[in-house]
Structure formats: structure tokens, C-alpha cells
């Protein structure tokens, strides 16, 4: 029997046709199918990983909330629960004991989310970053200005020597050295016993923080404390300059007001002087000598008394009309009383003047001029009665 030799690639052969058509296409198809399956598996793995991460974050936040609710703030929970020795860091085993004491069994999830630096330890900056920043700046100020926390407590904060410091004393100390953090957060981190005051023992844990993480140069570089304090100093200087400018403007306004009041007083004084001069002129014109000649010896004295009464009455009316002349009128009235005796002529002179006037009247000659002195005017009124 004659054997039939099958030629590779013949039309009647299925395997030969498949091998001859697309050897590379089959490999591409396999790779595509494998890639699709791999992509589906990676997507599922990624989705499950994201779900686990979200659950872990929620679990960690719930753990922090429980600690805060029990110990009032995060830093006190750190100092009392996690780091009672005050070393500044917590390893895995003490953390497990503390977490289980709070009732959290899945400690590994908490550790992975809290150990952000993968250093094998948890520090306060991983637990409460704001409190860590304020504590480190406070520690930096104490070490820089006084050489230590205990020295700063004794010589800088507790100036009355009571052994305790209040929040106001701490605030005064921090304002003196341009503290740029939050005083309330710092006070909550330092007040471990929640007594409303601090002792030097409550600040002692800051002296035991040692290591690369707590070096002042690294902390200052990480939190940029120098630049922040510089900005705060500039802001305070700007506020001080603004206050000086406002005080200067207020002083200029007060100076102008005083000068205006002085000018007004001078104006009123000039007006009062003018009114006084006018009053004197009016009195000089209104008061005239009597026209009747005296018939008796006592008429001259009676005329002087009448004239004095008229002067007093005139001055009283002028004082009521002008309030500015009240004091001057009072002084003039006092002067009238003082010189009353000097104005009244003696009895002999009055007799001689009466006899002379009677003889002159009988002879038909003109009456001699008599002088009447008005004390408020300082003038002599002459009477040229015939």
C-alpha cells in the first residue's frame, strides 16, 4: 500500500493551517488573555487593599477618640497611657499592652497606621503633631534663654517663688520670648494632673527627650521655628509702629484743639474788653452833674450819695447784661466801698463851698464849676451850671 505524505501547510490539514496562519497571533492572544486576567486580579487586590486601609484609618481614629474621651486630650493620653516613663517614644510591646488595656485587640493595624516613619517606635509627633510642635518650641526657648527647663521654671516663669505657675504666668513668659504656638494646646500638654497649675515635676519629661528626633536643629529646621518667630516679631513691630502713629495723630489733634480753645478764649477776652470800654463810655455820657444849686450845707453830700447809688445801679445792670463782665463789675463795686470815705468832702469844705455858691447866686454871677468823681470811670465830670 502506498503511503500518503502530508505536506505541512497543505489545504487539507487543520493543524498545518493553524500553525502556518498566525504563530505570532496565538502568542499575542495568550498574552492578551493573561494580561486581562492579571489586570482583573490586580484591580481586585487594589480594591481590597484600599478597603483595608480605610478600615484601618477608621479603626485608628476611633482608638484616638476613645483615648481623648478618657484622658481629656491626646497629649495627656500619651503621657499617662502610652509613655508613662516620659522617654518620648513607645515601642511595639508597650503599645500592645496599652491598646489592649483600652479594649482594642487588632493592635497590628493600629501600629501600622501610627508608625509613619517605619522606625519601630511611635513618637509624639505621630500621635499629636500640634502638641509636639508646641512642646518643642517651648523646650527650645527654655534651653536657649535659660539653659534648661528647670532653670526657666525657677528664674523665668515662677518669679514669685511659689513653686507653682498659673496659665497667666506662663502666658507672660511666652509673650516675652515671642512664642509663636498655641498657648492653650501647650497648657493642656503640660498640665498632666489637671490641677489648674504646673509644678517643675510636670515639666521634667521634656529633659528626658533625647535622640535624633528631638535635636533642636532638626526640630527648628522641620517646623521652621526661626522664620515663624521672625514673622511674629515683625508683626508685633508693625502693631507697635501703628500704635505710635495713632498716638502721634491723637496728640496732634489734642494740640490743635487746645490751640483752638486758646484762640477762642482770646477772642472772648477781646470782646469783653471792648464791651467794658463801651460800657465806660456809655456811663461817662449818661451820668451828668446836677443842675440845681445846693441850698443847704448838706446838699453836696447828698448829691455825692445819690451819684454813688446811680453808679452802683448802673454797674449792676451792666453785670447782669454781660456775663463776661460779672467779675469786673464785682471788683468795681468793691472799689466803690473802699474809697467811699476818701470821696466824701469834709464839713468845713462843704460849708465854704455852700457859702461861696450862695454869694455867687445872690450877686448874679455864673456858678463856679464843681467836680464830681466817678470811681468806676476814673474821670472827673465838670459842671458848668450858670
Protein backbone atom coordinates (compact mmCIF):
# COMPACT_ATOMS: atom_id res chain seq x y z
CA UNK A 1 0.00 0.00 0.00
CA UNK A 2 1.25 3.33 -0.94
CA UNK A 3 1.65 5.80 1.95
CA UNK A 4 0.46 9.37 1.63
CA UNK A 5 2.85 12.01 2.81
CA UNK A 6 1.19 15.04 4.32
CA UNK A 7 2.85 18.23 3.46
CA UNK A 8 2.93 20.85 6.07
CA UNK A 9 0.76 23.74 5.13
CA UNK A 10 -1.49 21.73 2.76
CA UNK A 11 -5.10 22.82 2.45
CA UNK A 12 -6.49 19.62 3.89
CA UNK A 13 -4.52 19.78 7.14
CA UNK A 14 -6.10 21.73 10.07
CA UNK A 15 -3.05 21.71 12.29
CA UNK A 16 -0.79 22.77 9.50
CA UNK A 17 -3.19 25.58 8.60
CA UNK A 18 -3.29 26.84 12.22
CA UNK A 19 0.48 26.68 12.58
CA UNK A 20 1.03 28.32 9.24
CA UNK A 21 -1.57 31.10 9.65
CA UNK A 22 -0.50 33.04 12.74
CA UNK A 23 2.03 31.67 15.20
CA UNK A 24 2.67 35.18 16.49
CA UNK A 25 -1.06 35.94 16.75
CA UNK A 26 -1.56 32.97 19.07
CA UNK A 27 1.17 34.19 21.34
CA UNK A 28 -0.36 37.68 21.32
CA UNK A 29 -3.74 36.22 22.12
CA UNK A 30 -2.30 34.29 25.03
CA UNK A 31 -0.55 37.35 26.33
CA UNK A 32 -3.71 39.43 26.00
CA UNK A 33 -5.80 36.85 27.83
CA UNK A 34 -3.19 36.60 30.57
CA UNK A 35 -2.99 40.39 30.84
CA UNK A 36 -6.72 40.77 31.14
CA UNK A 37 -6.83 38.12 33.85
CA UNK A 38 -3.88 39.78 35.58
CA UNK A 39 -5.47 43.21 35.38
CA UNK A 40 -8.68 41.84 36.86
CA UNK A 41 -6.78 40.20 39.70
CA UNK A 42 -4.73 43.36 40.37
CA UNK A 43 -7.85 45.52 40.40
CA UNK A 44 -9.48 43.23 42.93
CA UNK A 45 -6.35 43.20 45.03
CA UNK A 46 -6.11 47.02 44.88
CA UNK A 47 -9.74 47.42 45.82
CA UNK A 48 -9.41 45.13 48.78
CA UNK A 49 -6.23 46.94 49.85
CA UNK A 50 -7.97 50.31 49.73
CA UNK A 51 -10.83 48.89 51.75
CA UNK A 52 -8.43 47.56 54.35
CA UNK A 53 -6.66 50.93 54.51
CA UNK A 54 -9.90 52.82 55.01
CA UNK A 55 -10.98 50.40 57.69
CA UNK A 56 -7.60 50.76 59.38
CA UNK A 57 -7.81 54.56 59.33
CA UNK A 58 -11.27 54.48 60.85
CA UNK A 59 -10.13 51.99 63.45
CA UNK A 60 -7.15 54.18 64.40
CA UNK A 61 -9.27 57.33 64.62
CA UNK A 62 -11.73 55.54 66.85
CA UNK A 63 -8.85 54.46 69.11
CA UNK A 64 -7.67 58.10 69.35
CA UNK A 65 -11.19 59.30 70.13
CA UNK A 66 -11.51 56.79 72.96
CA UNK A 67 -8.16 57.88 74.40
CA UNK A 68 -9.13 61.54 74.16
CA UNK A 69 -12.51 60.91 75.79
CA UNK A 70 -10.90 59.10 78.70
CA UNK A 71 -7.83 61.33 79.23
CA UNK A 72 -9.34 64.70 78.11
CA UNK A 73 -6.65 65.37 75.45
CA UNK A 74 -4.25 63.44 73.26
CA UNK A 75 -1.05 64.55 74.97
CA UNK A 76 -2.27 63.54 78.41
CA UNK A 77 -3.24 60.15 76.98
CA UNK A 78 0.28 59.88 75.60
CA UNK A 79 1.91 60.77 78.91
CA UNK A 80 -0.37 58.64 81.12
CA UNK A 81 -1.24 55.66 78.90
CA UNK A 82 1.40 55.22 76.20
CA UNK A 83 4.57 56.81 77.60
CA UNK A 84 4.34 56.91 81.41
CA UNK A 85 8.14 56.91 81.69
CA UNK A 86 8.46 60.13 79.69
CA UNK A 87 11.03 58.77 77.22
CA UNK A 88 9.40 60.42 74.23
CA UNK A 89 8.87 57.21 72.25
CA UNK A 90 6.98 53.92 72.58
CA UNK A 91 7.98 50.52 71.20
CA UNK A 92 5.64 47.82 69.93
CA UNK A 93 5.26 45.72 73.08
CA UNK A 94 4.29 48.56 75.48
CA UNK A 95 1.95 49.86 72.81
CA UNK A 96 0.24 46.48 72.57
CA UNK A 97 -0.32 46.40 76.32
CA UNK A 98 -1.75 49.94 76.30
CA UNK A 99 -4.05 49.26 73.32
CA UNK A 100 -5.37 46.05 74.85
CA UNK A 101 -5.94 47.89 78.12
CA UNK A 102 -8.22 50.23 76.16
CA UNK A 103 -10.07 47.20 74.68
CA UNK A 104 -8.56 47.21 71.15
CA UNK A 105 -7.41 43.74 70.06
CA UNK A 106 -6.30 44.47 66.47
CA UNK A 107 -3.05 46.08 67.58
CA UNK A 108 -1.12 45.44 64.37
CA UNK A 109 -3.46 47.67 62.35
CA UNK A 110 -3.04 50.46 64.88
CA UNK A 111 0.72 50.11 64.83
CA UNK A 112 0.96 50.25 61.03
CA UNK A 113 -1.05 53.45 60.92
CA UNK A 114 0.76 55.15 63.80
CA UNK A 115 4.35 54.21 62.95
CA UNK A 116 4.50 56.57 59.98
CA UNK A 117 8.31 56.66 59.82
CA UNK A 118 8.70 52.85 59.97
CA UNK A 119 11.28 53.34 62.70
CA UNK A 120 9.93 50.70 65.08
CA UNK A 121 8.88 53.38 67.54
CA UNK A 122 5.98 55.78 67.90
CA UNK A 123 6.77 59.36 68.92
CA UNK A 124 4.51 62.17 69.98
CA UNK A 125 4.61 63.80 66.55
CA UNK A 126 2.95 60.66 65.14
CA UNK A 127 0.36 60.75 67.89
CA UNK A 128 -0.36 64.53 68.18
CA UNK A 129 1.65 66.72 65.82
CA UNK A 130 0.33 70.08 67.10
CA UNK A 131 1.15 69.36 70.72
CA UNK A 132 4.60 68.05 69.75
CA UNK A 133 5.36 71.24 67.83
CA UNK A 134 4.30 73.49 70.75
CA UNK A 135 6.25 71.45 73.29
CA UNK A 136 9.39 71.50 71.19
CA UNK A 137 9.23 75.26 70.71
CA UNK A 138 8.70 75.74 74.46
CA UNK A 139 11.64 73.48 75.17
CA UNK A 140 13.77 75.34 72.61
CA UNK A 141 13.01 78.71 74.28
CA UNK A 142 13.84 77.35 77.75
CA UNK A 143 17.12 75.82 76.63
CA UNK A 144 18.15 78.86 74.61
CA UNK A 145 17.31 81.58 77.11
CA UNK A 146 17.90 79.86 80.48
CA UNK A 147 19.88 76.72 79.70
CA UNK A 148 17.16 74.24 80.70
CA UNK A 149 13.54 73.73 81.56
CA UNK A 150 14.07 73.66 85.34
CA UNK A 151 16.11 76.88 85.23
CA UNK A 152 13.48 78.57 83.10
CA UNK A 153 10.78 77.46 85.55
CA UNK A 154 12.68 78.87 88.53
CA UNK A 155 14.06 82.12 87.14
CA UNK A 156 11.82 82.95 84.20
CA UNK A 157 8.30 81.72 84.91
CA UNK A 158 7.91 81.35 88.69
CA UNK A 159 9.14 84.83 89.62
CA UNK A 160 7.31 84.95 92.96
CA UNK A 161 8.96 81.70 94.14
CA UNK A 162 5.71 79.89 94.98
CA UNK A 163 6.78 76.62 93.34
CA UNK A 164 3.75 76.63 91.04
CA UNK A 165 2.84 78.60 87.96
CA UNK A 166 -0.54 79.57 86.58
CA UNK A 167 -1.64 79.92 83.00
CA UNK A 168 -1.30 83.71 83.14
CA UNK A 169 2.31 83.44 84.34
CA UNK A 170 3.09 81.01 81.53
CA UNK A 171 1.45 83.33 79.01
CA UNK A 172 3.51 86.30 80.25
CA UNK A 173 6.70 84.28 79.93
CA UNK A 174 5.87 83.10 76.43
CA UNK A 175 4.88 86.58 75.25
CA UNK A 176 8.21 87.88 76.50
CA UNK A 177 10.14 85.46 74.27
CA UNK A 178 7.80 85.64 71.23
CA UNK A 179 6.23 82.21 71.42
CA UNK A 180 4.51 81.52 68.08
CA UNK A 181 2.47 78.47 69.07
CA UNK A 182 -0.89 77.93 70.75
CA UNK A 183 -0.81 78.54 74.50
CA UNK A 184 -3.98 76.54 75.16
CA UNK A 185 -2.58 73.44 73.44
CA UNK A 186 0.70 73.84 75.32
CA UNK A 187 -1.05 74.21 78.66
CA UNK A 188 -3.13 71.09 78.04
CA UNK A 189 0.02 69.15 77.16
CA UNK A 190 1.89 70.28 80.28
CA UNK A 191 -0.91 70.02 82.85
CA UNK A 192 -0.75 66.29 83.43
CA UNK A 193 -2.64 66.32 86.75
CA UNK A 194 -5.34 68.77 85.54
CA UNK A 195 -4.92 70.84 88.69
CA UNK A 196 -5.02 74.28 87.09
CA UNK A 197 -1.34 74.90 87.91
CA UNK A 198 2.04 73.47 86.95
CA UNK A 199 4.98 72.27 89.01
CA UNK A 200 8.52 71.64 87.92
CA UNK A 201 7.94 67.86 88.10
CA UNK A 202 5.29 68.10 85.37
CA UNK A 203 7.89 69.67 83.05
CA UNK A 204 10.63 67.18 83.80
CA UNK A 205 9.66 64.83 80.95
CA UNK A 206 10.97 67.39 78.42
CA UNK A 207 14.51 66.92 79.75
CA UNK A 208 14.38 63.15 79.07
CA UNK A 209 13.56 63.51 75.38
CA UNK A 210 16.81 62.52 73.72
CA UNK A 211 17.76 61.24 70.32
CA UNK A 212 17.95 62.38 66.73
CA UNK A 213 14.25 63.13 66.59
CA UNK A 214 14.44 65.66 69.43
CA UNK A 215 17.54 67.60 68.43
CA UNK A 216 16.89 71.37 68.41
CA UNK A 217 18.45 71.89 64.99
CA UNK A 218 16.26 69.28 63.37
CA UNK A 219 13.10 70.48 65.08
CA UNK A 220 13.83 74.12 64.17
CA UNK A 221 14.51 73.12 60.57
CA UNK A 222 11.46 70.88 60.34
CA UNK A 223 8.98 73.32 61.84
CA UNK A 224 10.81 76.45 60.63
CA UNK A 225 10.67 77.98 64.09
CA UNK A 226 13.13 80.78 63.31
CA UNK A 227 11.14 82.08 60.36
CA UNK A 228 7.84 81.80 62.23
CA UNK A 229 9.19 83.72 65.21
CA UNK A 230 10.70 86.33 62.89
CA UNK A 231 7.33 86.83 61.25
CA UNK A 232 5.72 87.16 64.67
CA UNK A 233 8.31 89.75 65.77
CA UNK A 234 7.75 91.74 62.59
CA UNK A 235 4.01 91.61 63.13
CA UNK A 236 4.40 92.88 66.69
CA UNK A 237 6.75 95.62 65.49
CA UNK A 238 4.23 96.66 62.88
CA UNK A 239 1.48 96.82 65.50
CA UNK A 240 3.74 98.88 67.78
CA UNK A 241 4.53 101.31 64.95
CA UNK A 242 0.83 101.60 64.16
CA UNK A 243 0.10 102.38 67.80
CA UNK A 244 2.85 105.03 67.88
CA UNK A 245 1.42 106.60 64.73
CA UNK A 246 -2.08 106.67 66.20
CA UNK A 247 -0.79 108.19 69.45
CA UNK A 248 1.05 110.84 67.46
CA UNK A 249 -2.06 111.67 65.47
CA UNK A 250 -4.10 111.86 68.67
CA UNK A 251 -1.51 114.18 70.19
CA UNK A 252 -1.60 116.46 67.15
CA UNK A 253 -5.40 116.56 67.29
CA UNK A 254 -5.33 117.43 71.01
CA UNK A 255 -2.73 120.13 70.36
CA UNK A 256 -4.87 121.67 67.64
CA UNK A 257 -7.91 121.52 69.92
CA UNK A 258 -6.02 123.27 72.72
CA UNK A 259 -4.77 125.96 70.34
CA UNK A 260 -8.30 126.48 69.02
CA UNK A 261 -9.65 126.80 72.58
CA UNK A 262 -6.92 129.29 73.40
CA UNK A 263 -7.79 131.40 70.37
CA UNK A 264 -11.45 131.29 71.31
CA UNK A 265 -10.66 132.45 74.83
CA UNK A 266 -8.55 135.29 73.49
CA UNK A 267 -11.39 136.29 71.18
CA UNK A 268 -13.89 136.26 74.05
CA UNK A 269 -11.44 138.29 76.19
CA UNK A 270 -11.08 140.90 73.48
CA UNK A 271 -14.83 141.09 73.11
CA UNK A 272 -15.24 141.51 76.87
CA UNK A 273 -12.62 144.28 76.90
CA UNK A 274 -14.43 146.03 74.07
CA UNK A 275 -17.73 145.75 75.91
CA UNK A 276 -16.09 147.13 79.04
CA UNK A 277 -14.74 150.13 77.15
CA UNK A 278 -18.14 150.74 75.59
CA UNK A 279 -19.75 150.49 78.99
CA UNK A 280 -17.37 153.07 80.42
CA UNK A 281 -18.04 155.45 77.57
CA UNK A 282 -21.79 155.00 77.96
CA UNK A 283 -21.50 155.62 81.69
CA UNK A 284 -19.43 158.72 81.01
CA UNK A 285 -22.08 160.08 78.68
CA UNK A 286 -25.11 159.10 80.76
CA UNK A 287 -24.01 160.39 84.16
CA UNK A 288 -24.09 164.19 84.29
CA UNK A 289 -23.67 166.67 87.07
CA UNK A 290 -26.79 168.01 88.86
CA UNK A 291 -28.25 171.31 87.52
CA UNK A 292 -29.68 172.59 90.77
CA UNK A 293 -27.52 174.57 93.08
CA UNK A 294 -27.37 173.42 96.68
CA UNK A 295 -29.45 175.49 99.08
CA UNK A 296 -28.18 173.89 102.25
CA UNK A 297 -24.87 172.78 103.64
CA UNK A 298 -25.66 169.05 103.37
CA UNK A 299 -26.81 169.14 99.73
CA UNK A 300 -23.30 168.47 98.41
CA UNK A 301 -23.03 165.29 100.46
CA UNK A 302 -26.50 164.20 99.38
CA UNK A 303 -25.55 164.69 95.73
CA UNK A 304 -22.45 162.54 96.19
CA UNK A 305 -24.50 159.79 97.82
CA UNK A 306 -27.07 159.93 95.01
CA UNK A 307 -24.36 159.81 92.40
CA UNK A 308 -22.80 156.79 94.13
CA UNK A 309 -26.14 154.99 94.12
CA UNK A 310 -26.55 155.71 90.43
CA UNK A 311 -23.09 154.33 89.71
CA UNK A 312 -23.82 151.18 91.71
CA UNK A 313 -27.13 150.66 89.94
CA UNK A 314 -25.57 151.19 86.53
CA UNK A 315 -22.80 148.72 87.21
CA UNK A 316 -25.27 146.12 88.50
CA UNK A 317 -27.34 146.42 85.32
CA UNK A 318 -24.24 146.04 83.13
CA UNK A 319 -23.11 142.98 85.10
CA UNK A 320 -26.47 141.27 84.52
CA UNK A 321 -26.41 142.14 80.80
CA UNK A 322 -22.96 140.67 80.17
CA UNK A 323 -21.73 137.53 81.94
CA UNK A 324 -18.18 138.29 80.88
CA UNK A 325 -18.21 141.49 82.90
CA UNK A 326 -19.53 139.90 86.08
CA UNK A 327 -16.17 139.67 87.81
CA UNK A 328 -15.06 143.13 86.71
CA UNK A 329 -18.32 144.70 87.94
CA UNK A 330 -17.91 142.97 91.28
CA UNK A 331 -14.41 144.33 91.62
CA UNK A 332 -15.62 147.82 90.76
CA UNK A 333 -18.34 147.60 93.37
CA UNK A 334 -15.75 146.62 95.95
CA UNK A 335 -13.61 149.57 94.97
CA UNK A 336 -16.59 151.90 95.44
CA UNK A 337 -16.97 150.75 99.03
CA UNK A 338 -13.25 151.09 99.74
CA UNK A 339 -12.89 154.69 98.53
CA UNK A 340 -16.23 155.98 99.79
CA UNK A 341 -14.67 157.74 102.74
CA UNK A 342 -12.00 159.40 100.59
CA UNK A 343 -14.61 160.79 98.20
CA UNK A 344 -16.77 162.49 100.83
CA UNK A 345 -15.63 166.12 101.47
CA UNK A 346 -15.08 167.42 104.97
CA UNK A 347 -17.67 169.54 106.79
CA UNK A 348 -15.61 172.72 106.61
CA UNK A 349 -15.02 172.46 102.87
CA UNK A 350 -18.71 171.81 102.28
CA UNK A 351 -19.67 174.89 104.32
CA UNK A 352 -17.27 177.10 102.45
CA UNK A 353 -18.45 175.81 99.10
CA UNK A 354 -22.11 176.38 100.09
CA UNK A 355 -21.41 179.99 101.24
CA UNK A 356 -19.48 180.74 98.09
CA UNK A 357 -22.21 179.37 95.89
CA UNK A 358 -24.90 181.35 97.74
CA UNK A 359 -22.95 184.61 97.45
CA UNK A 360 -22.32 183.98 93.78
CA UNK A 361 -26.00 183.36 93.21
CA UNK A 362 -27.03 186.49 95.00
CA UNK A 363 -24.53 188.61 93.05
CA UNK A 364 -25.90 187.28 89.76
CA UNK A 365 -22.56 185.85 88.65
CA UNK A 366 -22.15 182.43 86.99
CA UNK A 367 -21.90 179.42 89.31
CA UNK A 368 -18.39 178.07 89.76
CA UNK A 369 -17.67 174.68 88.25
CA UNK A 370 -17.98 171.72 90.66
CA UNK A 371 -16.15 168.43 90.16
CA UNK A 372 -17.82 165.01 90.63
CA UNK A 373 -15.60 161.97 90.58
CA UNK A 374 -16.93 158.66 89.24
CA UNK A 375 -14.74 155.96 90.79
CA UNK A 376 -15.51 153.25 88.20
CA UNK A 377 -14.57 155.54 85.32
CA UNK A 378 -11.60 157.28 86.82
CA UNK A 379 -12.81 160.53 85.29
CA UNK A 380 -13.81 163.91 86.66
CA UNK A 381 -17.10 165.32 85.44
CA UNK A 382 -17.24 169.04 85.35
CA UNK A 383 -20.46 171.00 85.91
CA UNK A 384 -20.62 174.43 84.35
CA UNK A 385 -24.04 175.32 85.64
CA UNK A 386 -24.77 179.09 85.46
